[in-house]
Amino acid sequence: MSEKENNTGTTKTEDNSGTGTEAKTLTAFEIADGINKKKEELLDREEALTARKENLAARESVGGETQAGQSSNTKVEESDHDYRVRVQKEMAAGKTEFGN
């Protein structure tokens, strides 16, 4: 025998012995109990996900790990000499407007 629950609050019981199907009406308590069990399962899954997120955040903050694809935004300041050399190269190649 197998039972299938539908949204109307009734369960169809299928008897494989060939006698057919019979409808059984669920009580309000049985419906509420089924809904409560589903909510508890969802809550357990959500708690597990929250614990995983907290664990990941803790490891990243303590371990100093960065996420993939991120680069550090450290800018290296160019010295006067390096700036002059870069500008002279650009002027020789015709890339800048200075002196042309």
N, C-alpha and C. Protein backbone atom coordinates (compact mmCIF):
# COMPACT_ATOMS: atom_id res chain seq x y z
N MET A 1 0.84 -1.17 0.00
CA MET A 1 0.00 0.00 0.00
C MET A 1 0.90 1.24 0.00
N SER A 2 0.58 2.24 -0.81
CA SER A 2 1.36 3.48 -0.81
C SER A 2 0.41 4.65 -0.64
N GLU A 3 0.91 5.72 -0.01
CA GLU A 3 0.09 6.89 0.24
C GLU A 3 0.67 8.08 -0.51
N LYS A 4 -0.18 8.90 -1.07
CA LYS A 4 0.22 10.13 -1.76
C LYS A 4 -0.58 11.27 -1.17
N GLU A 5 0.13 12.33 -0.72
CA GLU A 5 -0.55 13.46 -0.10
C GLU A 5 -0.71 14.55 -1.16
N ASN A 6 -1.86 15.18 -1.20
CA ASN A 6 -2.06 16.30 -2.10
C ASN A 6 -2.32 17.56 -1.29
N ASN A 7 -2.50 18.67 -1.96
CA ASN A 7 -2.62 19.96 -1.27
C ASN A 7 -3.97 20.18 -0.61
N THR A 8 -4.95 19.32 -0.84
CA THR A 8 -6.27 19.55 -0.28
C THR A 8 -6.41 18.98 1.12
N GLY A 9 -5.39 18.28 1.61
CA GLY A 9 -5.47 17.75 2.95
C GLY A 9 -5.94 16.32 2.98
N THR A 10 -6.07 15.70 1.82
CA THR A 10 -6.47 14.30 1.80
C THR A 10 -5.32 13.46 1.30
N THR A 11 -5.33 12.22 1.68
CA THR A 11 -4.30 11.29 1.25
C THR A 11 -4.99 10.16 0.51
N LYS A 12 -4.52 9.86 -0.68
CA LYS A 12 -5.05 8.74 -1.40
C LYS A 12 -4.20 7.52 -1.06
N THR A 13 -4.86 6.49 -0.66
CA THR A 13 -4.17 5.25 -0.34
C THR A 13 -4.42 4.29 -1.49
N GLU A 14 -3.34 3.86 -2.11
CA GLU A 14 -3.47 2.93 -3.23
C GLU A 14 -3.20 1.52 -2.73
N ASP A 15 -4.15 0.70 -2.90
CA ASP A 15 -4.02 -0.69 -2.49
C ASP A 15 -3.63 -1.49 -3.72
N ASN A 16 -2.52 -2.14 -3.67
CA ASN A 16 -2.03 -2.89 -4.82
C ASN A 16 -2.68 -4.26 -4.94
N SER A 17 -3.61 -4.56 -4.08
CA SER A 17 -4.27 -5.87 -4.14
C SER A 17 -5.37 -5.89 -5.19
N GLY A 18 -5.66 -4.76 -5.83
CA GLY A 18 -6.65 -4.73 -6.90
C GLY A 18 -8.00 -4.27 -6.46
N THR A 19 -8.18 -3.87 -5.20
CA THR A 19 -9.49 -3.44 -4.73
C THR A 19 -9.78 -2.00 -5.08
N GLY A 20 -8.76 -1.22 -5.54
CA GLY A 20 -8.99 0.17 -5.91
C GLY A 20 -8.35 1.11 -4.94
N THR A 21 -8.88 2.35 -4.91
CA THR A 21 -8.32 3.36 -4.03
C THR A 21 -9.39 3.84 -3.07
N GLU A 22 -8.96 4.24 -1.92
CA GLU A 22 -9.88 4.80 -0.94
C GLU A 22 -9.29 6.11 -0.43
N ALA A 23 -10.10 7.12 -0.21
CA ALA A 23 -9.64 8.43 0.25
C ALA A 23 -9.76 8.52 1.76
N LYS A 24 -8.71 9.04 2.37
CA LYS A 24 -8.70 9.20 3.83
C LYS A 24 -8.46 10.68 4.10
N THR A 25 -9.30 11.31 4.88
CA THR A 25 -9.17 12.72 5.19
C THR A 25 -8.23 12.89 6.39
N LEU A 26 -7.26 13.79 6.24
CA LEU A 26 -6.34 14.07 7.32
C LEU A 26 -6.97 15.08 8.28
N THR A 27 -6.66 14.92 9.53
CA THR A 27 -7.15 15.89 10.50
C THR A 27 -6.28 17.14 10.46
N ALA A 28 -6.77 18.20 11.04
CA ALA A 28 -6.01 19.45 11.07
C ALA A 28 -4.69 19.27 11.81
N PHE A 29 -4.72 18.42 12.84
CA PHE A 29 -3.50 18.15 13.60
C PHE A 29 -2.46 17.45 12.73
N GLU A 30 -2.88 16.49 11.91
CA GLU A 30 -1.96 15.76 11.04
C GLU A 30 -1.37 16.68 9.98
N ILE A 31 -2.19 17.57 9.45
CA ILE A 31 -1.70 18.53 8.46
C ILE A 31 -0.69 19.47 9.10
N ALA A 32 -1.01 20.00 10.27
CA ALA A 32 -0.11 20.91 10.97
C ALA A 32 1.18 20.20 11.35
N ASP A 33 1.08 18.93 11.73
CA ASP A 33 2.26 18.16 12.09
C ASP A 33 3.17 17.97 10.86
N GLY A 34 2.59 17.70 9.71
CA GLY A 34 3.38 17.56 8.49
C GLY A 34 4.07 18.86 8.10
N ILE A 35 3.36 19.96 8.21
CA ILE A 35 3.94 21.27 7.91
C ILE A 35 5.06 21.58 8.89
N ASN A 36 4.84 21.26 10.17
CA ASN A 36 5.85 21.51 11.20
C ASN A 36 7.13 20.71 10.93
N LYS A 37 6.99 19.46 10.51
CA LYS A 37 8.15 18.63 10.21
C LYS A 37 8.95 19.21 9.04
N LYS A 38 8.25 19.69 8.02
CA LYS A 38 8.93 20.30 6.87
C LYS A 38 9.68 21.56 7.28
N LYS A 39 9.06 22.37 8.13
CA LYS A 39 9.71 23.60 8.61
C LYS A 39 10.94 23.28 9.43
N GLU A 40 10.86 22.23 10.26
CA GLU A 40 12.01 21.83 11.06
C GLU A 40 13.17 21.37 10.17
N GLU A 41 12.86 20.63 9.11
CA GLU A 41 13.90 20.20 8.17
C GLU A 41 14.56 21.40 7.51
N LEU A 42 13.76 22.37 7.09
CA LEU A 42 14.31 23.56 6.47
C LEU A 42 15.16 24.37 7.45
N LEU A 43 14.72 24.44 8.69
CA LEU A 43 15.46 25.16 9.72
C LEU A 43 16.80 24.48 9.98
N ASP A 44 16.82 23.15 10.02
CA ASP A 44 18.08 22.43 10.21
C ASP A 44 19.04 22.70 9.07
N ARG A 45 18.54 22.70 7.84
CA ARG A 45 19.39 22.98 6.68
C ARG A 45 19.94 24.41 6.74
N GLU A 46 19.09 25.36 7.14
CA GLU A 46 19.52 26.75 7.23
C GLU A 46 20.58 26.93 8.33
N GLU A 47 20.40 26.24 9.46
CA GLU A 47 21.39 26.32 10.53
C GLU A 47 22.73 25.76 10.07
N ALA A 48 22.71 24.67 9.32
CA ALA A 48 23.95 24.08 8.82
C ALA A 48 24.65 25.04 7.86
N LEU A 49 23.89 25.68 6.99
CA LEU A 49 24.47 26.64 6.05
C LEU A 49 25.04 27.85 6.78
N THR A 50 24.34 28.32 7.79
CA THR A 50 24.83 29.46 8.57
C THR A 50 26.13 29.11 9.28
N ALA A 51 26.21 27.91 9.81
CA ALA A 51 27.44 27.47 10.49
C ALA A 51 28.60 27.41 9.50
N ARG A 52 28.33 26.93 8.28
CA ARG A 52 29.39 26.86 7.26
C ARG A 52 29.85 28.26 6.87
N LYS A 53 28.90 29.20 6.74
CA LYS A 53 29.26 30.57 6.37
C LYS A 53 30.10 31.22 7.47
N GLU A 54 29.70 31.00 8.73
CA GLU A 54 30.46 31.57 9.85
C GLU A 54 31.86 30.98 9.91
N ASN A 55 31.99 29.68 9.67
CA ASN A 55 33.29 29.03 9.68
C ASN A 55 34.18 29.59 8.57
N LEU A 56 33.62 29.79 7.39
CA LEU A 56 34.38 30.34 6.28
C LEU A 56 34.83 31.76 6.57
N ALA A 57 33.94 32.58 7.13
CA ALA A 57 34.29 33.96 7.45
C ALA A 57 35.38 34.00 8.52
N ALA A 58 35.31 33.10 9.49
CA ALA A 58 36.32 33.07 10.55
C ALA A 58 37.68 32.67 9.98
N ARG A 59 37.69 31.67 9.09
CA ARG A 59 38.96 31.24 8.49
C ARG A 59 39.57 32.34 7.64
N GLU A 60 38.75 33.08 6.90
CA GLU A 60 39.27 34.15 6.06
C GLU A 60 39.83 35.29 6.90
N SER A 61 39.15 35.64 8.00
CA SER A 61 39.62 36.75 8.81
C SER A 61 40.88 36.40 9.59
N VAL A 62 40.97 35.18 10.08
CA VAL A 62 42.14 34.77 10.86
C VAL A 62 43.30 34.39 9.95
N GLY A 63 43.00 33.67 8.88
CA GLY A 63 44.05 33.15 8.01
C GLY A 63 44.59 34.17 7.04
N GLY A 64 43.91 35.26 6.85
CA GLY A 64 44.36 36.28 5.93
C GLY A 64 44.25 35.85 4.48
N GLU A 65 43.41 34.88 4.20
CA GLU A 65 43.24 34.42 2.83
C GLU A 65 42.41 35.42 2.04
N THR A 66 42.66 35.48 0.75
CA THR A 66 41.85 36.31 -0.11
C THR A 66 41.07 35.42 -1.05
N GLN A 67 40.00 35.95 -1.57
CA GLN A 67 39.20 35.17 -2.49
C GLN A 67 39.86 35.16 -3.86
N ALA A 68 39.58 34.14 -4.62
CA ALA A 68 40.19 34.00 -5.94
C ALA A 68 39.75 35.14 -6.84
N GLY A 69 40.66 35.61 -7.66
CA GLY A 69 40.35 36.65 -8.62
C GLY A 69 40.54 38.05 -8.10
N GLN A 70 40.83 38.20 -6.84
CA GLN A 70 41.04 39.53 -6.28
C GLN A 70 42.53 39.85 -6.32
N SER A 71 42.82 41.07 -6.63
CA SER A 71 44.21 41.49 -6.62
C SER A 71 44.39 42.57 -5.56
N SER A 72 45.60 42.67 -5.07
CA SER A 72 45.86 43.69 -4.08
C SER A 72 45.93 45.05 -4.77
N ASN A 73 45.44 46.06 -4.13
CA ASN A 73 45.39 47.40 -4.71
C ASN A 73 46.52 48.26 -4.18
N THR A 74 47.70 47.71 -4.07
CA THR A 74 48.84 48.48 -3.60
C THR A 74 49.44 49.22 -4.78
N LYS A 75 49.48 50.53 -4.68
CA LYS A 75 50.04 51.35 -5.75
C LYS A 75 51.49 51.68 -5.39
N VAL A 76 52.35 51.48 -6.36
CA VAL A 76 53.75 51.80 -6.16
C VAL A 76 53.98 53.21 -6.69
N GLU A 77 54.49 54.06 -5.84
CA GLU A 77 54.73 55.44 -6.26
C GLU A 77 55.98 55.49 -7.14
N GLU A 78 55.84 56.19 -8.25
CA GLU A 78 56.94 56.29 -9.21
C GLU A 78 57.92 57.38 -8.78
N SER A 79 59.19 57.05 -8.82
CA SER A 79 60.20 58.04 -8.42
C SER A 79 60.37 59.07 -9.54
N ASP A 80 61.02 60.20 -9.22
CA ASP A 80 61.24 61.25 -10.22
C ASP A 80 62.06 60.73 -11.39
N HIS A 81 63.08 59.97 -11.09
CA HIS A 81 63.96 59.44 -12.14
C HIS A 81 63.18 58.49 -13.07
N ASP A 82 62.39 57.59 -12.47
CA ASP A 82 61.61 56.65 -13.28
C ASP A 82 60.58 57.38 -14.14
N TYR A 83 59.98 58.43 -13.59
CA TYR A 83 59.01 59.21 -14.35
C TYR A 83 59.68 59.87 -15.55
N ARG A 84 60.83 60.45 -15.33
CA ARG A 84 61.55 61.12 -16.41
C ARG A 84 61.92 60.12 -17.51
N VAL A 85 62.41 58.96 -17.13
CA VAL A 85 62.79 57.94 -18.12
C VAL A 85 61.56 57.48 -18.90
N ARG A 86 60.43 57.26 -18.21
CA ARG A 86 59.22 56.81 -18.89
C ARG A 86 58.72 57.85 -19.88
N VAL A 87 58.71 59.12 -19.48
CA VAL A 87 58.24 60.18 -20.36
C VAL A 87 59.16 60.33 -21.57
N GLN A 88 60.46 60.22 -21.37
CA GLN A 88 61.40 60.33 -22.50
C GLN A 88 61.18 59.20 -23.50
N LYS A 89 60.92 58.00 -23.01
CA LYS A 89 60.65 56.87 -23.90
C LYS A 89 59.36 57.10 -24.68
N GLU A 90 58.34 57.61 -24.00
CA GLU A 90 57.07 57.86 -24.67
C GLU A 90 57.21 58.97 -25.71
N MET A 91 58.00 60.00 -25.39
CA MET A 91 58.20 61.09 -26.35
C MET A 91 58.95 60.58 -27.58
N ALA A 92 59.93 59.71 -27.38
CA ALA A 92 60.69 59.16 -28.50
C ALA A 92 59.80 58.29 -29.37
N ALA A 93 58.85 57.63 -28.78
CA ALA A 93 57.95 56.77 -29.54
C ALA A 93 56.76 57.55 -30.10
N GLY A 94 56.63 58.83 -29.74
CA GLY A 94 55.53 59.65 -30.22
C GLY A 94 54.22 59.41 -29.52
N LYS A 95 54.25 58.90 -28.32
CA LYS A 95 53.03 58.57 -27.58
C LYS A 95 52.53 59.74 -26.73
N THR A 96 53.36 60.74 -26.46
CA THR A 96 52.94 61.84 -25.61
C THR A 96 52.93 63.14 -26.40
N GLU A 97 52.27 64.14 -25.87
CA GLU A 97 52.16 65.44 -26.51
C GLU A 97 53.26 66.40 -26.06
N PHE A 98 54.05 66.01 -25.08
CA PHE A 98 55.08 66.87 -24.54
C PHE A 98 56.17 67.11 -25.59
N GLY A 99 56.46 68.33 -25.88
CA GLY A 99 57.57 68.67 -26.74
C GLY A 99 57.35 68.37 -28.21
N ASN A 100 56.20 67.86 -28.61
CA ASN A 100 55.96 67.55 -30.03
C ASN A 100 55.09 68.59 -30.67
